[in-house]
Amino acid sequence: MTQTSLGSNDINIIHSSTVPLMQRSDFWLNYFKGIKGWHTFEVVIFTTMGQFCDDYEGGYWEYCTLSNGGAFIYPDLNQEKLTLFNPHNGNEADVSCEAAGIAVCLMMYSLWSFQIESELLVERFYQLRDYAAQHSERSAIFHLID
């Protein structure tokens, strides 16, 4: 997982933490409960990754929480880079697995927030967006979701 560092004096740095295996079963419930259809988010994110990335054929995913209260998942594949193509805007980028997960989660959180009008999901989007803005691959992530 990529840890972002902007400087030792910056107290606004958002850190990510991998959810331990024993706590994964509560991840979606803890971060998305109350959002209509929250129990389907995981499979939709997996499916969307498959649509945006020709190299993705399934696999193990890491679950991450953010120090600002946010959360996201990413595929933990045995590849340094994945090529993602967003058919909605025509943008393509080569990114790490973590950045690919961030981009897909941002797109899905945004889309769902408009469909179901959930303030909590809007909050989760902005928490992840703030983390993405500090990420070393922020240019590629925002290029994909623009």
Protein backbone atom coordinates (compact mmCIF):
# COMPACT_ATOMS: atom_id res chain seq x y z
CA MET A 1 0.00 0.00 0.00
CA THR A 2 1.24 3.47 -0.78
CA GLN A 3 1.68 5.72 2.22
CA THR A 4 1.58 9.39 1.29
CA SER A 5 3.95 11.87 2.87
CA LEU A 6 3.75 15.61 2.27
CA GLY A 7 6.11 16.70 5.02
CA SER A 8 6.75 15.92 8.64
CA ASN A 9 5.14 19.16 9.84
CA ASP A 10 1.86 18.81 7.96
CA ILE A 11 -0.81 17.78 10.47
CA ASN A 12 -3.42 17.39 7.72
CA ILE A 13 -1.84 14.29 6.20
CA ILE A 14 -4.43 11.55 5.74
CA HIS A 15 -3.11 8.07 6.43
CA SER A 16 -4.52 4.77 5.25
CA SER A 17 -4.56 1.56 7.24
CA THR A 18 -5.24 -1.94 6.00
CA VAL A 19 -8.15 -3.59 7.78
CA PRO A 20 -6.99 -6.74 9.59
CA LEU A 21 -8.46 -9.99 8.29
CA MET A 22 -10.51 -10.55 11.45
CA GLN A 23 -12.26 -7.17 11.03
CA ARG A 24 -13.03 -7.38 7.31
CA SER A 25 -16.48 -8.90 7.83
CA ASP A 26 -17.63 -5.66 9.49
CA PHE A 27 -16.04 -3.25 6.98
CA TRP A 28 -19.07 -2.48 4.81
CA LEU A 29 -21.44 -2.41 7.76
CA ASN A 30 -19.21 -0.04 9.75
CA TYR A 31 -18.56 2.45 6.95
CA PHE A 32 -21.62 2.26 4.72
CA LYS A 33 -24.57 1.06 6.83
CA GLY A 34 -27.59 3.23 6.31
CA ILE A 35 -26.82 3.79 2.64
CA LYS A 36 -29.45 2.21 0.42
CA GLY A 37 -27.94 -0.87 -1.29
CA TRP A 38 -24.70 -0.80 0.75
CA HIS A 39 -24.55 -4.60 0.75
CA THR A 40 -24.01 -4.60 -3.06
CA PHE A 41 -21.15 -2.08 -3.15
CA GLU A 42 -18.39 -4.67 -3.07
CA VAL A 43 -19.61 -6.68 -6.06
CA VAL A 44 -20.32 -3.52 -8.08
CA ILE A 45 -16.79 -2.26 -7.42
CA PHE A 46 -15.35 -5.63 -8.49
CA THR A 47 -17.47 -5.57 -11.67
CA THR A 48 -16.52 -1.99 -12.48
CA MET A 49 -12.82 -2.81 -12.09
CA GLY A 50 -13.31 -5.60 -14.63
CA GLN A 51 -14.97 -3.16 -17.04
CA PHE A 52 -12.23 -0.53 -16.67
CA CYS A 53 -9.21 -2.86 -16.61
CA ASP A 54 -8.62 -5.59 -19.19
CA ASP A 55 -5.94 -7.19 -16.97
CA TYR A 56 -8.28 -7.60 -14.00
CA GLU A 57 -9.77 -11.07 -13.74
CA GLY A 58 -10.64 -11.13 -10.06
CA GLY A 59 -8.49 -11.63 -7.04
CA TYR A 60 -7.96 -10.69 -3.43
CA TRP A 61 -8.85 -7.15 -2.36
CA GLU A 62 -7.47 -5.12 0.51
CA TYR A 63 -9.87 -3.10 2.64
CA CYS A 64 -8.55 0.24 3.91
CA THR A 65 -9.68 2.88 6.33
CA LEU A 66 -8.54 6.48 6.33
CA SER A 67 -7.56 8.62 9.29
CA ASN A 68 -10.23 11.16 8.21
CA GLY A 69 -13.00 8.54 8.59
CA GLY A 70 -13.11 7.38 4.97
CA ALA A 71 -12.71 3.91 3.51
CA PHE A 72 -11.92 2.19 0.21
CA ILE A 73 -10.85 -1.12 -1.27
CA TYR A 74 -8.29 -2.08 -3.90
CA PRO A 75 -7.22 -5.27 -5.68
CA ASP A 76 -4.03 -6.76 -4.25
CA LEU A 77 -2.71 -8.22 -7.47
CA ASN A 78 0.75 -9.43 -8.36
CA GLN A 79 1.27 -6.53 -10.78
CA GLU A 80 3.02 -3.22 -10.29
CA LYS A 81 0.79 -1.32 -12.72
CA LEU A 82 -2.70 -1.71 -14.12
CA THR A 83 -4.01 0.10 -17.18
CA LEU A 84 -7.43 1.57 -16.51
CA PHE A 85 -9.64 3.01 -19.24
CA ASN A 86 -12.71 4.99 -18.26
CA PRO A 87 -15.26 4.56 -21.08
CA HIS A 88 -17.34 7.43 -19.70
CA ASN A 89 -14.69 10.08 -20.38
CA GLY A 90 -12.20 8.28 -22.66
CA ASN A 91 -9.30 8.74 -20.22
CA GLU A 92 -6.66 6.08 -19.63
CA ALA A 93 -3.85 5.77 -17.10
CA ASP A 94 -1.33 3.25 -15.83
CA VAL A 95 -1.61 3.14 -12.04
CA SER A 96 -0.74 0.99 -9.05
CA CYS A 97 -3.34 -1.41 -7.72
CA GLU A 98 -4.07 0.93 -4.82
CA ALA A 99 -4.59 3.92 -7.14
CA ALA A 100 -6.84 1.80 -9.36
CA GLY A 101 -9.02 0.94 -6.36
CA ILE A 102 -9.14 4.57 -5.26
CA ALA A 103 -10.21 5.71 -8.74
CA VAL A 104 -12.92 3.07 -9.09
CA CYS A 105 -14.23 3.66 -5.55
CA LEU A 106 -14.35 7.43 -6.17
CA MET A 107 -16.34 6.90 -9.37
CA MET A 108 -18.74 4.50 -7.71
CA TYR A 109 -19.22 6.62 -4.58
CA SER A 110 -19.99 9.63 -6.78
CA LEU A 111 -22.39 7.76 -9.03
CA TRP A 112 -24.25 6.15 -6.12
CA SER A 113 -24.45 9.42 -4.20
CA PHE A 114 -26.39 10.98 -7.07
CA GLN A 115 -28.62 7.94 -7.56
CA ILE A 116 -29.63 7.45 -3.94
CA GLU A 117 -29.05 10.96 -2.56
CA SER A 118 -27.07 9.80 0.47
CA GLU A 119 -25.27 12.44 2.54
CA LEU A 120 -23.13 9.71 4.12
CA LEU A 121 -21.97 8.51 0.71
CA VAL A 122 -21.16 12.09 -0.31
CA GLU A 123 -19.08 12.33 2.87
CA ARG A 124 -17.28 9.05 2.03
CA PHE A 125 -16.56 10.41 -1.48
CA TYR A 126 -14.98 13.60 -0.15
CA GLN A 127 -12.97 11.73 2.48
CA LEU A 128 -11.51 9.49 -0.22
CA ARG A 129 -11.05 12.42 -2.62
CA ASP A 130 -9.03 14.25 0.04
CA TYR A 131 -6.81 11.18 0.43
CA ALA A 132 -6.47 10.88 -3.36
CA ALA A 133 -5.38 14.53 -3.53
CA GLN A 134 -2.40 13.65 -1.31
CA HIS A 135 -1.59 10.40 -3.10
CA SER A 136 1.61 10.12 -5.14
CA GLU A 137 -0.52 9.11 -8.17
CA ARG A 138 -3.08 11.91 -7.75
CA SER A 139 -2.67 13.19 -11.32
CA ALA A 140 -3.51 9.81 -12.83
CA ILE A 141 -6.38 9.19 -10.38
CA PHE A 142 -8.02 12.55 -11.16
CA HIS A 143 -7.37 12.08 -14.89
CA LEU A 144 -9.34 8.83 -14.73
CA ILE A 145 -12.27 10.25 -12.81
CA ASP A 146 -12.45 13.66 -14.51
